[in-house]
Amino acid sequence: MTTESPSGQQWVKSSYSDNGGSCVEWAPGTATATGIVPVRDSKNTTGPSLHVSAEVFSSFVAGVKAGEFGTV
């Protein structure tokens, strides 16, 4: 699912989100253009976003896929 912020930034919900309410969104267009990946809580779309380098984000996603962070 893709949503757009008032600034026009396109946000995409994580494909690993199961719609159980604990979801994150990221902005791939911004990541591609700047090398910085904005990440936010999908339940608080007007709240703050975390900005990390594409390299750090890639490492995080790899860790999630590998099960390094356990489950909730």
PDB file of N, CA and C in Angstrom:
ATOM      1  N   MET A   1       0.838  -1.169   0.000  1.00  0.00           N
ATOM      2  CA  MET A   1       0.000   0.000   0.000  1.00  0.00           C
ATOM      3  C   MET A   1       0.890   1.242   0.000  1.00  0.00           C
ATOM      4  N   THR A   2       0.562   2.202  -0.850  1.00  0.00           N
ATOM      5  CA  THR A   2       1.320   3.442  -0.947  1.00  0.00           C
ATOM      6  C   THR A   2       0.436   4.599  -0.523  1.00  0.00           C
ATOM      7  N   THR A   3       0.977   5.499   0.283  1.00  0.00           N
ATOM      8  CA  THR A   3       0.265   6.717   0.660  1.00  0.00           C
ATOM      9  C   THR A   3       1.141   7.913   0.334  1.00  0.00           C
ATOM     10  N   GLU A   4       0.522   9.076   0.231  1.00  0.00           N
ATOM     11  CA  GLU A   4       1.274  10.280  -0.076  1.00  0.00           C
ATOM     12  C   GLU A   4       1.104  11.282   1.047  1.00  0.00           C
ATOM     13  N   SER A   5       2.196  11.889   1.459  1.00  0.00           N
ATOM     14  CA  SER A   5       2.148  12.912   2.501  1.00  0.00           C
ATOM     15  C   SER A   5       1.771  14.245   1.864  1.00  0.00           C
ATOM     16  N   PRO A   6       1.403  15.238   2.677  1.00  0.00           N
ATOM     17  CA  PRO A   6       1.087  16.558   2.119  1.00  0.00           C
ATOM     18  C   PRO A   6       2.233  17.158   1.288  1.00  0.00           C
ATOM     19  N   SER A   7       3.456  16.780   1.589  1.00  0.00           N
ATOM     20  CA  SER A   7       4.606  17.302   0.839  1.00  0.00           C
ATOM     21  C   SER A   7       4.797  16.578  -0.493  1.00  0.00           C
ATOM     22  N   GLY A   8       3.988  15.550  -0.750  1.00  0.00           N
ATOM     23  CA  GLY A   8       4.093  14.797  -1.986  1.00  0.00           C
ATOM     24  C   GLY A   8       4.997  13.584  -1.896  1.00  0.00           C
ATOM     25  N   GLN A   9       5.569  13.359  -0.738  1.00  0.00           N
ATOM     26  CA  GLN A   9       6.454  12.204  -0.554  1.00  0.00           C
ATOM     27  C   GLN A   9       5.620  10.930  -0.545  1.00  0.00           C
ATOM     28  N   GLN A  10       6.034   9.942  -1.337  1.00  0.00           N
ATOM     29  CA  GLN A  10       5.326   8.665  -1.420  1.00  0.00           C
ATOM     30  C   GLN A  10       5.846   7.710  -0.346  1.00  0.00           C
ATOM     31  N   TRP A  11       4.947   7.179   0.462  1.00  0.00           N
ATOM     32  CA  TRP A  11       5.298   6.242   1.528  1.00  0.00           C
ATOM     33  C   TRP A  11       4.749   4.863   1.195  1.00  0.00           C
ATOM     34  N   VAL A  12       5.533   3.825   1.470  1.00  0.00           N
ATOM     35  CA  VAL A  12       5.156   2.445   1.189  1.00  0.00           C
ATOM     36  C   VAL A  12       5.203   1.654   2.490  1.00  0.00           C
ATOM     37  N   LYS A  13       4.143   0.895   2.743  1.00  0.00           N
ATOM     38  CA  LYS A  13       4.119   0.057   3.936  1.00  0.00           C
ATOM     39  C   LYS A  13       5.000  -1.167   3.707  1.00  0.00           C
ATOM     40  N   SER A  14       5.715  -1.567   4.720  1.00  0.00           N
ATOM     41  CA  SER A  14       6.589  -2.729   4.635  1.00  0.00           C
ATOM     42  C   SER A  14       5.819  -3.964   4.164  1.00  0.00           C
ATOM     43  N   SER A  15       6.415  -4.709   3.260  1.00  0.00           N
ATOM     44  CA  SER A  15       5.779  -5.947   2.791  1.00  0.00           C
ATOM     45  C   SER A  15       5.763  -7.003   3.893  1.00  0.00           C
ATOM     46  N   TYR A  16       6.513  -6.794   4.955  1.00  0.00           N
ATOM     47  CA  TYR A  16       6.526  -7.728   6.071  1.00  0.00           C
ATOM     48  C   TYR A  16       5.470  -7.383   7.119  1.00  0.00           C
ATOM     49  N   SER A  17       4.781  -6.269   6.939  1.00  0.00           N
ATOM     50  CA  SER A  17       3.734  -5.883   7.875  1.00  0.00           C
ATOM     51  C   SER A  17       2.517  -6.767   7.637  1.00  0.00           C
ATOM     52  N   ASP A  18       1.934  -7.242   8.716  1.00  0.00           N
ATOM     53  CA  ASP A  18       0.791  -8.147   8.587  1.00  0.00           C
ATOM     54  C   ASP A  18      -0.528  -7.456   8.888  1.00  0.00           C
ATOM     55  N   ASN A  19      -0.556  -6.137   8.831  1.00  0.00           N
ATOM     56  CA  ASN A  19      -1.746  -5.346   9.119  1.00  0.00           C
ATOM     57  C   ASN A  19      -2.243  -5.543  10.542  1.00  0.00           C
ATOM     58  N   GLY A  20      -1.355  -5.928  11.450  1.00  0.00           N
ATOM     59  CA  GLY A  20      -1.711  -6.093  12.844  1.00  0.00           C
ATOM     60  C   GLY A  20      -1.525  -4.823  13.654  1.00  0.00           C
ATOM     61  N   GLY A  21      -1.188  -3.725  12.996  1.00  0.00           N
ATOM     62  CA  GLY A  21      -1.046  -2.457  13.683  1.00  0.00           C
ATOM     63  C   GLY A  21       0.381  -2.043  13.966  1.00  0.00           C
ATOM     64  N   SER A  22       1.329  -2.954  13.939  1.00  0.00           N
ATOM     65  CA  SER A  22       2.730  -2.625  14.206  1.00  0.00           C
ATOM     66  C   SER A  22       3.486  -2.543  12.889  1.00  0.00           C
ATOM     67  N   CYS A  23       3.222  -1.495  12.141  1.00  0.00           N
ATOM     68  CA  CYS A  23       3.772  -1.382  10.793  1.00  0.00           C
ATOM     69  C   CYS A  23       4.717  -0.193  10.665  1.00  0.00           C
ATOM     70  N   VAL A  24       5.626  -0.329   9.742  1.00  0.00           N
ATOM     71  CA  VAL A  24       6.481   0.799   9.376  1.00  0.00           C
ATOM     72  C   VAL A  24       6.285   1.101   7.901  1.00  0.00           C
ATOM     73  N   GLU A  25       6.557   2.343   7.534  1.00  0.00           N
ATOM     74  CA  GLU A  25       6.516   2.766   6.147  1.00  0.00           C
ATOM     75  C   GLU A  25       7.854   3.400   5.814  1.00  0.00           C
ATOM     76  N   TRP A  26       8.215   3.352   4.555  1.00  0.00           N
ATOM     77  CA  TRP A  26       9.437   3.995   4.111  1.00  0.00           C
ATOM     78  C   TRP A  26       9.148   4.708   2.801  1.00  0.00           C
ATOM     79  N   ALA A  27      10.018   5.642   2.429  1.00  0.00           N
ATOM     80  CA  ALA A  27       9.824   6.449   1.229  1.00  0.00           C
ATOM     81  C   ALA A  27      10.898   6.099   0.197  1.00  0.00           C
ATOM     82  N   PRO A  28      10.624   5.121  -0.696  1.00  0.00           N
ATOM     83  CA  PRO A  28      11.643   4.672  -1.639  1.00  0.00           C
ATOM     84  C   PRO A  28      12.091   5.740  -2.631  1.00  0.00           C
ATOM     85  N   GLY A  29      11.199   6.647  -3.031  1.00  0.00           N
ATOM     86  CA  GLY A  29      11.592   7.698  -3.972  1.00  0.00           C
ATOM     87  C   GLY A  29      12.644   8.622  -3.386  1.00  0.00           C
ATOM     88  N   THR A  30      12.476   8.969  -2.129  1.00  0.00           N
ATOM     89  CA  THR A  30      13.459   9.811  -1.446  1.00  0.00           C
ATOM     90  C   THR A  30      14.763   9.054  -1.291  1.00  0.00           C
ATOM     91  N   ALA A  31      14.661   7.778  -0.978  1.00  0.00           N
ATOM     92  CA  ALA A  31      15.864   6.961  -0.807  1.00  0.00           C
ATOM     93  C   ALA A  31      16.654   6.897  -2.108  1.00  0.00           C
ATOM     94  N   THR A  32      15.956   6.705  -3.212  1.00  0.00           N
ATOM     95  CA  THR A  32      16.624   6.626  -4.513  1.00  0.00           C
ATOM     96  C   THR A  32      17.282   7.950  -4.879  1.00  0.00           C
ATOM     97  N   ALA A  33      16.584   9.045  -4.620  1.00  0.00           N
ATOM     98  CA  ALA A  33      17.085  10.363  -5.010  1.00  0.00           C
ATOM     99  C   ALA A  33      18.220  10.862  -4.135  1.00  0.00           C
ATOM    100  N   THR A  34      18.220  10.491  -2.834  1.00  0.00           N
ATOM    101  CA  THR A  34      19.166  11.101  -1.895  1.00  0.00           C
ATOM    102  C   THR A  34      20.119  10.125  -1.213  1.00  0.00           C
ATOM    103  N   GLY A  35      19.784   8.826  -1.240  1.00  0.00           N
ATOM    104  CA  GLY A  35      20.593   7.856  -0.503  1.00  0.00           C
ATOM    105  C   GLY A  35      20.248   7.817   0.972  1.00  0.00           C
ATOM    106  N   ILE A  36      19.227   8.575   1.375  1.00  0.00           N
ATOM    107  CA  ILE A  36      18.741   8.599   2.751  1.00  0.00           C
ATOM    108  C   ILE A  36      17.346   7.988   2.760  1.00  0.00           C
ATOM    109  N   VAL A  37      17.096   7.063   3.677  1.00  0.00           N
ATOM    110  CA  VAL A  37      15.816   6.366   3.735  1.00  0.00           C
ATOM    111  C   VAL A  37      14.996   6.896   4.909  1.00  0.00           C
ATOM    112  N   PRO A  38      13.882   7.589   4.620  1.00  0.00           N
ATOM    113  CA  PRO A  38      12.979   7.996   5.697  1.00  0.00           C
ATOM    114  C   PRO A  38      12.092   6.813   6.105  1.00  0.00           C
ATOM    115  N   VAL A  39      11.919   6.613   7.401  1.00  0.00           N
ATOM    116  CA  VAL A  39      11.101   5.531   7.952  1.00  0.00           C
ATOM    117  C   VAL A  39      10.175   6.159   8.992  1.00  0.00           C
ATOM    118  N   ARG A  40       8.903   5.726   8.999  1.00  0.00           N
ATOM    119  CA  ARG A  40       7.960   6.268   9.983  1.00  0.00           C
ATOM    120  C   ARG A  40       7.003   5.192  10.458  1.00  0.00           C
ATOM    121  N   ASP A  41       6.330   5.482  11.545  1.00  0.00           N
ATOM    122  CA  ASP A  41       5.299   4.620  12.120  1.00  0.00           C
ATOM    123  C   ASP A  41       4.016   4.832  11.319  1.00  0.00           C
ATOM    124  N   SER A  42       3.465   3.775  10.759  1.00  0.00           N
ATOM    125  CA  SER A  42       2.267   3.923   9.929  1.00  0.00           C
ATOM    126  C   SER A  42       1.038   4.346  10.727  1.00  0.00           C
ATOM    127  N   LYS A  43       1.064   4.194  12.046  1.00  0.00           N
ATOM    128  CA  LYS A  43      -0.055   4.617  12.879  1.00  0.00           C
ATOM    129  C   LYS A  43       0.009   6.103  13.198  1.00  0.00           C
ATOM    130  N   ASN A  44       1.157   6.731  12.958  1.00  0.00           N
ATOM    131  CA  ASN A  44       1.340   8.146  13.279  1.00  0.00           C
ATOM    132  C   ASN A  44       1.976   8.838  12.071  1.00  0.00           C
ATOM    133  N   THR A  45       1.213   8.948  11.007  1.00  0.00           N
ATOM    134  CA  THR A  45       1.760   9.455   9.745  1.00  0.00           C
ATOM    135  C   THR A  45       2.122  10.935   9.778  1.00  0.00           C
ATOM    136  N   THR A  46       1.639  11.673  10.758  1.00  0.00           N
ATOM    137  CA  THR A  46       2.024  13.077  10.881  1.00  0.00           C
ATOM    138  C   THR A  46       3.137  13.273  11.903  1.00  0.00           C
ATOM    139  N   GLY A  47       3.558  12.193  12.511  1.00  0.00           N
ATOM    140  CA  GLY A  47       4.631  12.261  13.507  1.00  0.00           C
ATOM    141  C   GLY A  47       5.998  12.293  12.855  1.00  0.00           C
ATOM    142  N   PRO A  48       7.029  12.178  13.658  1.00  0.00           N
ATOM    143  CA  PRO A  48       8.396  12.254  13.142  1.00  0.00           C
ATOM    144  C   PRO A  48       8.763  11.025  12.311  1.00  0.00           C
ATOM    145  N   SER A  49       9.773  11.203  11.492  1.00  0.00           N
ATOM    146  CA  SER A  49      10.318  10.075  10.741  1.00  0.00           C
ATOM    147  C   SER A  49      11.808   9.979  11.052  1.00  0.00           C
ATOM    148  N   LEU A  50      12.297   8.772  10.979  1.00  0.00           N
ATOM    149  CA  LEU A  50      13.710   8.495  11.194  1.00  0.00           C
ATOM    150  C   LEU A  50      14.380   8.473   9.831  1.00  0.00           C
ATOM    151  N   HIS A  51      15.531   9.110   9.688  1.00  0.00           N
ATOM    152  CA  HIS A  51      16.256   9.133   8.417  1.00  0.00           C
ATOM    153  C   HIS A  51      17.594   8.431   8.595  1.00  0.00           C
ATOM    154  N   VAL A  52      17.802   7.365   7.815  1.00  0.00           N
ATOM    155  CA  VAL A  52      19.036   6.590   7.898  1.00  0.00           C
ATOM    156  C   VAL A  52      19.634   6.440   6.504  1.00  0.00           C
ATOM    157  N   SER A  53      20.906   6.145   6.454  1.00  0.00           N
ATOM    158  CA  SER A  53      21.546   5.945   5.153  1.00  0.00           C
ATOM    159  C   SER A  53      20.993   4.670   4.506  1.00  0.00           C
ATOM    160  N   ALA A  54      21.047   4.614   3.190  1.00  0.00           N
ATOM    161  CA  ALA A  54      20.586   3.430   2.469  1.00  0.00           C
ATOM    162  C   ALA A  54      21.361   2.193   2.906  1.00  0.00           C
ATOM    163  N   GLU A  55      22.645   2.358   3.194  1.00  0.00           N
ATOM    164  CA  GLU A  55      23.473   1.232   3.637  1.00  0.00           C
ATOM    165  C   GLU A  55      22.981   0.679   4.976  1.00  0.00           C
ATOM    166  N   VAL A  56      22.689   1.562   5.913  1.00  0.00           N
ATOM    167  CA  VAL A  56      22.191   1.135   7.221  1.00  0.00           C
ATOM    168  C   VAL A  56      20.820   0.478   7.077  1.00  0.00           C
ATOM    169  N   PHE A  57      19.958   1.055   6.260  1.00  0.00           N
ATOM    170  CA  PHE A  57      18.632   0.488   6.051  1.00  0.00           C
ATOM    171  C   PHE A  57      18.726  -0.909   5.441  1.00  0.00           C
ATOM    172  N   SER A  58      19.595  -1.078   4.461  1.00  0.00           N
ATOM    173  CA  SER A  58      19.790  -2.387   3.829  1.00  0.00           C
ATOM    174  C   SER A  58      20.264  -3.419   4.846  1.00  0.00           C
ATOM    175  N   SER A  59      21.177  -3.028   5.717  1.00  0.00           N
ATOM    176  CA  SER A  59      21.660  -3.934   6.763  1.00  0.00           C
ATOM    177  C   SER A  59      20.533  -4.314   7.719  1.00  0.00           C
ATOM    178  N   PHE A  60      19.706  -3.340   8.071  1.00  0.00           N
ATOM    179  CA  PHE A  60      18.567  -3.597   8.955  1.00  0.00           C
ATOM    180  C   PHE A  60      17.605  -4.595   8.309  1.00  0.00           C
ATOM    181  N   VAL A  61      17.244  -4.364   7.046  1.00  0.00           N
ATOM    182  CA  VAL A  61      16.320  -5.264   6.349  1.00  0.00           C
ATOM    183  C   VAL A  61      16.908  -6.673   6.263  1.00  0.00           C
ATOM    184  N   ALA A  62      18.189  -6.781   5.976  1.00  0.00           N
ATOM    185  CA  ALA A  62      18.840  -8.097   5.921  1.00  0.00           C
ATOM    186  C   ALA A  62      18.755  -8.788   7.278  1.00  0.00           C
ATOM    187  N   GLY A  63      18.949  -8.038   8.358  1.00  0.00           N
ATOM    188  CA  GLY A  63      18.843  -8.599   9.702  1.00  0.00           C
ATOM    189  C   GLY A  63      17.445  -9.073  10.022  1.00  0.00           C
ATOM    190  N   VAL A  64      16.435  -8.308   9.605  1.00  0.00           N
ATOM    191  CA  VAL A  64      15.045  -8.723   9.806  1.00  0.00           C
ATOM    192  C   VAL A  64      14.773 -10.015   9.048  1.00  0.00           C
ATOM    193  N   LYS A  65      15.184 -10.063   7.801  1.00  0.00           N
ATOM    194  CA  LYS A  65      14.974 -11.273   6.982  1.00  0.00           C
ATOM    195  C   LYS A  65      15.673 -12.484   7.582  1.00  0.00           C
ATOM    196  N   ALA A  66      16.809 -12.272   8.219  1.00  0.00           N
ATOM    197  CA  ALA A  66      17.571 -13.365   8.816  1.00  0.00           C
ATOM    198  C   ALA A  66      17.064 -13.757  10.202  1.00  0.00           C
ATOM    199  N   GLY A  67      16.092 -13.012  10.710  1.00  0.00           N
ATOM    200  CA  GLY A  67      15.531 -13.333  12.032  1.00  0.00           C
ATOM    201  C   GLY A  67      16.406 -12.893  13.191  1.00  0.00           C
ATOM    202  N   GLU A  68      17.301 -11.940  12.969  1.00  0.00           N
ATOM    203  CA  GLU A  68      18.235 -11.503  14.009  1.00  0.00           C
ATOM    204  C   GLU A  68      17.584 -10.725  15.148  1.00  0.00           C
ATOM    205  N   PHE A  69      16.359 -10.266  14.958  1.00  0.00           N
ATOM    206  CA  PHE A  69      15.722  -9.418  15.976  1.00  0.00           C
ATOM    207  C   PHE A  69      14.614 -10.122  16.726  1.00  0.00           C
ATOM    208  N   GLY A  70      14.416 -11.393  16.481  1.00  0.00           N
ATOM    209  CA  GLY A  70      13.380 -12.144  17.179  1.00  0.00           C
ATOM    210  C   GLY A  70      11.984 -11.742  16.732  1.00  0.00           C
ATOM    211  N   THR A  71      11.009 -12.110  17.528  1.00  0.00           N
ATOM    212  CA  THR A  71       9.621 -11.791  17.225  1.00  0.00           C
ATOM    213  C   THR A  71       8.982 -11.113  18.410  1.00  0.00           C
ATOM    214  N   VAL A  72       7.889 -10.459  18.134  1.00  0.00           N
ATOM    215  CA  VAL A  72       7.156  -9.748  19.200  1.00  0.00           C
ATOM    216  C   VAL A  72       6.083 -10.630  19.752  1.00  0.00           C
TER     217      VAL A  72
END
